[in-house]
Amino acid sequence: MHNCRLVLIFLLMLSFLSHHKSVCQTADHIVISEIYGGGGNVKAPYKNDFIELYNPTSSTVDLTGWSVQYASAASSKWNVSILNGSIAAHSFYLIQEASGGHDTASLPFPDKVDSINLSATAGKIVLYADTIALTDANPAGTAIIDKVGYGTANGFEGSAAAPSPTSGNTKSIERKARVNSTASSLAPGGIDAYCGNGYDTDNNASDFIVQSNINPQNSASAPEIPTVDFVGGHGIHGPKAGSYATLNNYPNPFNPTTSITFTVAIRAKTTVKVFDLLGRELAVLFNGFAEAKRTYTLLFDASKLSSGIYIYQMNSAGKAETRKMVLLK
């Protein structure tokens, strides 16, 4: 059933993307999505350091023979955590590392347990398609899948390292979901909270933010579909200006109602339906002919549904638009 859900998400997003020319800056590979090095220290919310990976692609990736490697800010000596298992499409993989010793909250069940002591303020982490320890301070090569330097690190992608979480042991660095992501938008309840962490311009300085809402996620966490930014779009998920149709909802996240608006460029038979992540049809909000360039507003009442991610889709003139919305009760 889990695999069926992932296939459905992929097909819906493929339908969505096939009708738009996007400027999506979502990675086409596994990325390092969150780093926390204050685990088990004074005031730390968690007892262990962690490295979180995210798969923004539509395919499961086998991590056998891969590693994550850590070096201090100016060092060329790398510590190796050998990975195993796989990471599903749009899903996470959590690597638990060392603890400072204070007995605070445990991480969610980790997918990998190791004992590397990460710095809370500055360091370098590489996701490497090999298990041999790296030897350069700022390594490069085709086997390096992703590289993140933070704080005063002398190895990083792009123009500069990611920002330092600063001292205090209460913050991580988190990869953005889109260009305008902020700590608040990525936090639970924020507009990017369920959009993955796939934004990647190969520039650590602009791809990460400092996050006080530390949120370690593992392979059991709900899959998150990456955000797509469109040229001339109307809002985060808006279509390209001049395209045949528009489809949005507000507010998003919502509780318990949200307004879904749409327009079509030509008069055509149109349906707007809501589905859950298993593909079950929950509501038909519109079924009839829609007039060209007229804005339609539909109310969706989710008062009888549980919190979660839902899909809404418009079909018109043989084309489909798909969006997701988040119910937070």
Protein backbone atom coordinates (compact mmCIF):
# COMPACT_ATOMS: atom_id res chain seq x y z
CA MET A 1 0.00 0.00 0.00
CA HIS A 2 2.89 2.34 0.81
CA ASN A 3 4.34 1.77 -2.68
CA CYS A 4 0.95 2.45 -4.27
CA ARG A 5 0.79 5.77 -2.46
CA LEU A 6 4.22 6.80 -3.74
CA VAL A 7 3.30 5.81 -7.30
CA LEU A 8 0.13 7.88 -7.08
CA ILE A 9 2.03 10.94 -5.85
CA PHE A 10 4.53 10.56 -8.67
CA LEU A 11 1.82 10.24 -11.33
CA LEU A 12 -0.09 13.25 -10.03
CA MET A 13 3.01 15.41 -9.95
CA LEU A 14 4.05 14.21 -13.41
CA SER A 15 0.65 15.25 -14.73
CA PHE A 16 1.09 18.63 -13.05
CA LEU A 17 4.59 19.29 -14.35
CA SER A 18 4.05 18.08 -17.91
CA HIS A 19 2.07 21.18 -18.85
CA HIS A 20 4.47 23.82 -17.54
CA LYS A 21 7.91 25.14 -18.30
CA SER A 22 9.36 25.60 -14.84
CA VAL A 23 12.44 27.15 -13.34
CA CYS A 24 12.43 24.55 -10.61
CA GLN A 25 15.67 24.48 -8.63
CA THR A 26 14.93 21.19 -6.98
CA ALA A 27 17.84 18.76 -6.88
CA ASP A 28 17.82 15.66 -9.06
CA HIS A 29 19.76 13.69 -6.43
CA ILE A 30 19.77 12.90 -2.71
CA VAL A 31 20.61 15.99 -0.64
CA ILE A 32 21.75 16.74 2.87
CA SER A 33 18.61 18.38 4.24
CA GLU A 34 19.29 19.19 7.90
CA ILE A 35 22.35 19.22 10.18
CA TYR A 36 22.34 19.45 13.97
CA GLY A 37 25.52 19.32 16.04
CA GLY A 38 24.38 20.36 19.51
CA GLY A 39 22.91 17.03 20.58
CA GLY A 40 23.22 16.22 24.27
CA ASN A 41 24.80 19.55 25.16
CA VAL A 42 23.41 22.12 27.60
CA LYS A 43 19.96 23.36 26.50
CA ALA A 44 19.91 20.91 23.56
CA PRO A 45 16.40 19.71 22.60
CA TYR A 46 17.78 16.32 21.50
CA LYS A 47 20.37 14.06 23.08
CA ASN A 48 22.18 13.25 19.79
CA ASP A 49 23.66 15.08 16.83
CA PHE A 50 22.08 14.13 13.51
CA ILE A 51 22.38 14.40 9.74
CA GLU A 52 19.15 14.18 7.74
CA LEU A 53 18.97 13.23 4.05
CA TYR A 54 16.08 13.90 1.66
CA ASN A 55 15.24 12.30 -1.67
CA PRO A 56 13.52 14.89 -3.91
CA THR A 57 13.36 12.48 -6.85
CA SER A 58 10.54 10.16 -7.90
CA SER A 59 12.58 6.96 -7.49
CA THR A 60 13.87 4.93 -4.56
CA VAL A 61 17.67 5.20 -4.21
CA ASP A 62 19.84 2.39 -2.83
CA LEU A 63 22.39 3.78 -0.36
CA THR A 64 24.49 0.61 -0.19
CA GLY A 65 28.16 1.51 -0.57
CA TRP A 66 27.55 5.18 0.27
CA SER A 67 28.66 7.16 3.29
CA VAL A 68 28.27 10.50 5.00
CA GLN A 69 31.58 11.98 6.07
CA TYR A 70 32.32 14.77 8.53
CA ALA A 71 35.35 16.98 9.06
CA SER A 72 35.82 19.95 11.37
CA ALA A 73 35.82 23.42 9.85
CA ALA A 74 39.47 23.57 8.73
CA SER A 75 40.42 19.90 8.76
CA SER A 76 41.22 17.43 5.98
CA LYS A 77 40.60 14.43 8.25
CA TRP A 78 37.20 12.90 7.57
CA ASN A 79 35.12 10.68 9.85
CA VAL A 80 32.99 8.11 8.02
CA SER A 81 29.46 6.81 8.67
CA ILE A 82 28.72 3.96 6.26
CA LEU A 83 25.11 3.89 5.08
CA ASN A 84 22.84 0.97 4.28
CA GLY A 85 19.31 0.41 3.09
CA SER A 86 17.53 2.76 0.74
CA ILE A 87 15.68 6.05 0.71
CA ALA A 88 12.25 6.12 -0.91
CA ALA A 89 11.00 8.77 -3.32
CA HIS A 90 10.28 12.11 -1.62
CA SER A 91 11.32 10.62 1.72
CA PHE A 92 13.90 11.11 4.46
CA TYR A 93 16.77 9.16 6.04
CA LEU A 94 17.99 9.99 9.54
CA ILE A 95 21.57 9.43 10.71
CA GLN A 96 22.09 9.61 14.46
CA GLU A 97 25.56 10.68 15.59
CA ALA A 98 27.28 11.41 18.93
CA SER A 99 25.79 12.80 22.14
CA GLY A 100 27.12 15.41 24.53
CA GLY A 101 25.81 13.32 27.42
CA HIS A 102 22.84 15.32 28.69
CA ASP A 103 19.70 13.18 28.88
CA THR A 104 17.24 15.15 26.78
CA ALA A 105 14.74 13.90 24.18
CA SER A 106 15.63 11.00 21.91
CA LEU A 107 15.60 11.42 18.15
CA PRO A 108 12.93 9.69 16.10
CA PHE A 109 14.04 6.12 15.35
CA PRO A 110 17.21 6.60 13.27
CA ASP A 111 17.86 4.80 9.98
CA LYS A 112 21.57 4.72 10.82
CA VAL A 113 23.33 4.95 14.20
CA ASP A 114 26.94 6.10 14.52
CA SER A 115 29.08 8.17 16.89
CA ILE A 116 30.67 11.07 14.98
CA ASN A 117 30.83 14.22 17.10
CA LEU A 118 29.54 17.10 14.97
CA SER A 119 30.31 20.72 15.80
CA ALA A 120 27.28 22.76 16.73
CA THR A 121 28.63 25.85 14.96
CA ALA A 122 31.02 24.98 12.10
CA GLY A 123 31.93 21.91 10.07
CA LYS A 124 31.78 20.07 6.75
CA ILE A 125 29.61 17.14 5.68
CA VAL A 126 29.79 15.21 2.42
CA LEU A 127 27.36 12.64 1.04
CA TYR A 128 29.69 10.31 -0.83
CA ALA A 129 28.95 7.40 -3.18
CA ASP A 130 31.83 5.45 -1.65
CA THR A 131 33.01 4.46 1.83
CA ILE A 132 36.71 5.36 1.55
CA ALA A 133 37.64 8.29 3.80
CA LEU A 134 38.18 11.56 1.94
CA THR A 135 41.55 13.30 2.24
CA ASP A 136 41.13 16.91 1.00
CA ALA A 137 39.86 19.86 3.00
CA ASN A 138 37.48 20.78 0.19
CA PRO A 139 36.99 17.55 -1.79
CA ALA A 140 35.52 17.38 -5.29
CA GLY A 141 34.65 14.64 -7.77
CA THR A 142 31.76 12.84 -9.42
CA ALA A 143 31.30 10.47 -6.45
CA ILE A 144 30.37 13.41 -4.22
CA ILE A 145 26.59 13.53 -4.25
CA ASP A 146 26.23 16.57 -1.98
CA LYS A 147 28.51 18.75 0.15
CA VAL A 148 27.63 21.21 2.90
CA GLY A 149 29.99 23.46 4.81
CA TYR A 150 28.59 25.61 7.59
CA GLY A 151 29.89 28.37 9.81
CA THR A 152 33.62 28.99 9.25
CA ALA A 153 34.14 25.82 7.19
CA ASN A 154 36.77 26.01 4.44
CA GLY A 155 34.94 23.49 2.25
CA PHE A 156 31.50 24.17 0.75
CA GLU A 157 29.47 24.42 -2.44
CA GLY A 158 29.21 27.78 -4.18
CA SER A 159 30.31 31.19 -2.96
CA ALA A 160 30.35 30.58 0.80
CA ALA A 161 29.41 28.19 3.56
CA ALA A 162 25.92 27.89 5.00
CA PRO A 163 25.24 30.12 8.00
CA SER A 164 26.36 28.98 11.44
CA PRO A 165 23.66 27.74 13.82
CA THR A 166 25.60 29.82 16.41
CA SER A 167 26.26 28.73 19.97
CA GLY A 168 23.54 27.63 22.36
CA ASN A 169 22.84 24.14 20.96
CA THR A 170 19.24 25.02 20.14
CA LYS A 171 19.43 25.47 16.36
CA SER A 172 20.17 23.47 13.23
CA ILE A 173 20.71 24.41 9.61
CA GLU A 174 17.95 23.28 7.23
CA ARG A 175 17.84 23.18 3.44
CA LYS A 176 15.14 25.32 1.86
CA ALA A 177 12.12 24.01 -0.03
CA ARG A 178 12.19 26.97 -2.44
CA VAL A 179 14.04 30.21 -2.99
CA ASN A 180 11.93 32.23 -0.51
CA SER A 181 11.76 29.64 2.27
CA THR A 182 12.32 30.95 5.79
CA ALA A 183 12.68 29.34 9.20
CA SER A 184 9.01 30.10 9.85
CA SER A 185 7.72 28.81 6.50
CA LEU A 186 9.62 25.53 6.97
CA ALA A 187 8.48 25.04 10.57
CA PRO A 188 5.40 22.94 11.44
CA GLY A 189 2.35 24.86 10.26
CA GLY A 190 4.36 26.90 7.77
CA ILE A 191 3.58 27.04 4.07
CA ASP A 192 6.69 24.99 3.19
CA ALA A 193 6.41 22.50 6.06
CA TYR A 194 5.30 19.65 3.79
CA CYS A 195 7.19 20.58 0.63
CA GLY A 196 10.42 18.70 1.21
CA ASN A 197 13.90 20.19 1.45
CA GLY A 198 15.06 19.89 -2.14
CA TYR A 199 16.08 23.44 -3.08
CA ASP A 200 19.60 23.25 -4.50
CA THR A 201 21.52 25.92 -6.40
CA ASP A 202 24.88 24.39 -5.45
CA ASN A 203 25.50 27.37 -3.18
CA ASN A 204 25.43 26.51 0.54
CA ALA A 205 25.20 30.20 1.47
CA SER A 206 21.78 30.60 -0.17
CA ASP A 207 20.39 27.06 0.04
CA PHE A 208 20.24 26.81 3.85
CA ILE A 209 18.66 28.73 6.72
CA VAL A 210 19.24 28.60 10.49
CA GLN A 211 16.34 26.74 12.08
CA SER A 212 15.20 26.93 15.72
CA ASN A 213 12.32 24.51 15.04
CA ILE A 214 14.61 21.48 14.77
CA ASN A 215 12.71 18.70 13.02
CA PRO A 216 14.59 15.41 12.49
CA GLN A 217 12.74 13.15 10.03
CA ASN A 218 13.35 9.50 9.24
CA SER A 219 12.22 6.92 6.70
CA ALA A 220 8.92 6.52 8.57
CA SER A 221 8.07 10.21 8.17
CA ALA A 222 5.41 11.11 5.62
CA PRO A 223 6.76 11.66 2.08
CA GLU A 224 6.94 15.30 1.02
CA ILE A 225 6.56 16.39 -2.60
CA PRO A 226 9.07 19.08 -3.60
CA THR A 227 7.87 22.61 -4.26
CA VAL A 228 8.07 23.94 -7.83
CA ASP A 229 8.57 27.66 -8.53
CA PHE A 230 7.18 28.81 -11.88
CA VAL A 231 8.11 31.79 -14.04
CA GLY A 232 5.47 34.48 -13.65
CA GLY A 233 3.59 32.30 -11.20
CA HIS A 234 0.77 33.41 -8.95
CA GLY A 235 2.06 32.32 -5.56
CA ILE A 236 4.34 29.45 -4.72
CA HIS A 237 2.53 26.81 -6.74
CA GLY A 238 1.10 29.13 -9.39
CA PRO A 239 1.32 28.28 -13.08
CA LYS A 240 3.24 30.20 -15.70
CA ALA A 241 1.57 33.44 -16.72
CA GLY A 242 -0.41 32.99 -19.92
CA SER A 243 -0.88 29.24 -19.46
CA TYR A 244 -4.26 27.74 -20.23
CA ALA A 245 -5.50 27.62 -16.65
CA THR A 246 -4.88 28.62 -13.07
CA LEU A 247 -5.56 26.62 -9.93
CA ASN A 248 -4.82 27.60 -6.33
CA ASN A 249 -6.21 27.33 -2.84
CA TYR A 250 -6.12 29.64 0.18
CA PRO A 251 -5.38 29.35 3.02
CA ASN A 252 -2.88 26.52 2.82
CA PRO A 253 -2.39 24.97 5.37
CA PHE A 254 -6.06 25.26 6.40
CA ASN A 255 -8.54 24.21 9.11
CA PRO A 256 -11.19 23.10 8.35
CA THR A 257 -12.13 24.96 5.14
CA THR A 258 -10.19 26.36 2.21
CA SER A 259 -11.21 28.15 -1.00
CA ILE A 260 -10.07 26.63 -4.28
CA THR A 261 -10.03 29.03 -7.22
CA PHE A 262 -9.56 28.23 -10.88
CA THR A 263 -9.84 29.72 -14.35
CA VAL A 264 -9.66 28.21 -17.84
CA ALA A 265 -8.54 29.86 -21.06
CA ILE A 266 -11.26 28.32 -23.23
CA ARG A 267 -14.80 27.17 -22.49
CA ALA A 268 -14.54 23.47 -21.74
CA LYS A 269 -15.95 20.57 -19.73
CA THR A 270 -14.13 20.80 -16.40
CA THR A 271 -13.96 18.83 -13.17
CA VAL A 272 -12.31 19.71 -9.86
CA LYS A 273 -11.89 16.81 -7.45
CA VAL A 274 -10.17 16.15 -4.12
CA PHE A 275 -8.26 12.94 -3.33
CA ASP A 276 -6.35 11.52 -0.41
CA LEU A 277 -2.80 10.19 -0.79
CA LEU A 278 -4.15 6.70 -1.48
CA GLY A 279 -5.97 7.99 -4.55
CA ARG A 280 -9.44 7.75 -3.03
CA GLU A 281 -11.84 10.38 -4.35
CA LEU A 282 -13.15 12.48 -1.45
CA ALA A 283 -15.14 15.22 -3.17
CA VAL A 284 -16.27 16.50 -6.54
CA LEU A 285 -16.30 20.28 -6.23
CA PHE A 286 -17.06 21.15 -9.85
CA ASN A 287 -18.40 19.10 -12.77
CA GLY A 288 -19.63 21.01 -15.79
CA PHE A 289 -18.65 23.55 -18.43
CA ALA A 290 -16.40 26.34 -17.22
CA GLU A 291 -16.45 29.65 -19.08
CA ALA A 292 -13.21 31.12 -20.44
CA LYS A 293 -11.27 33.52 -18.19
CA ARG A 294 -13.91 33.49 -15.48
CA THR A 295 -12.66 32.97 -11.92
CA TYR A 296 -14.48 30.22 -10.04
CA THR A 297 -14.24 29.88 -6.26
CA LEU A 298 -15.06 26.57 -4.61
CA LEU A 299 -15.27 25.89 -0.88
CA PHE A 300 -13.79 22.65 0.41
CA ASP A 301 -14.91 21.62 3.89
CA ALA A 302 -12.60 19.08 5.53
CA SER A 303 -14.22 19.11 8.97
CA LYS A 304 -14.79 15.32 8.81
CA LEU A 305 -11.23 14.54 7.68
CA SER A 306 -8.04 13.98 9.63
CA SER A 307 -4.98 16.22 9.47
CA GLY A 308 -2.76 15.43 6.52
CA ILE A 309 -1.85 16.13 2.92
CA TYR A 310 -4.61 16.09 0.29
CA ILE A 311 -4.51 16.36 -3.49
CA TYR A 312 -6.87 18.47 -5.60
CA GLN A 313 -6.97 18.16 -9.36
CA MET A 314 -8.65 20.03 -12.20
CA ASN A 315 -9.23 18.41 -15.58
CA SER A 316 -10.23 20.70 -18.43
CA ALA A 317 -9.95 20.44 -22.23
CA GLY A 318 -7.96 17.23 -21.90
CA LYS A 319 -5.34 18.72 -19.59
CA ALA A 320 -4.80 18.27 -15.86
CA GLU A 321 -3.62 20.57 -13.08
CA THR A 322 -2.68 19.04 -9.74
CA ARG A 323 -1.93 20.72 -6.42
CA LYS A 324 -1.57 19.64 -2.82
CA MET A 325 -3.01 21.19 0.32
CA VAL A 326 -2.40 20.57 3.99
CA LEU A 327 -5.11 20.15 6.63
CA LEU A 328 -3.81 21.03 10.11
CA LYS A 329 -6.26 20.51 12.95
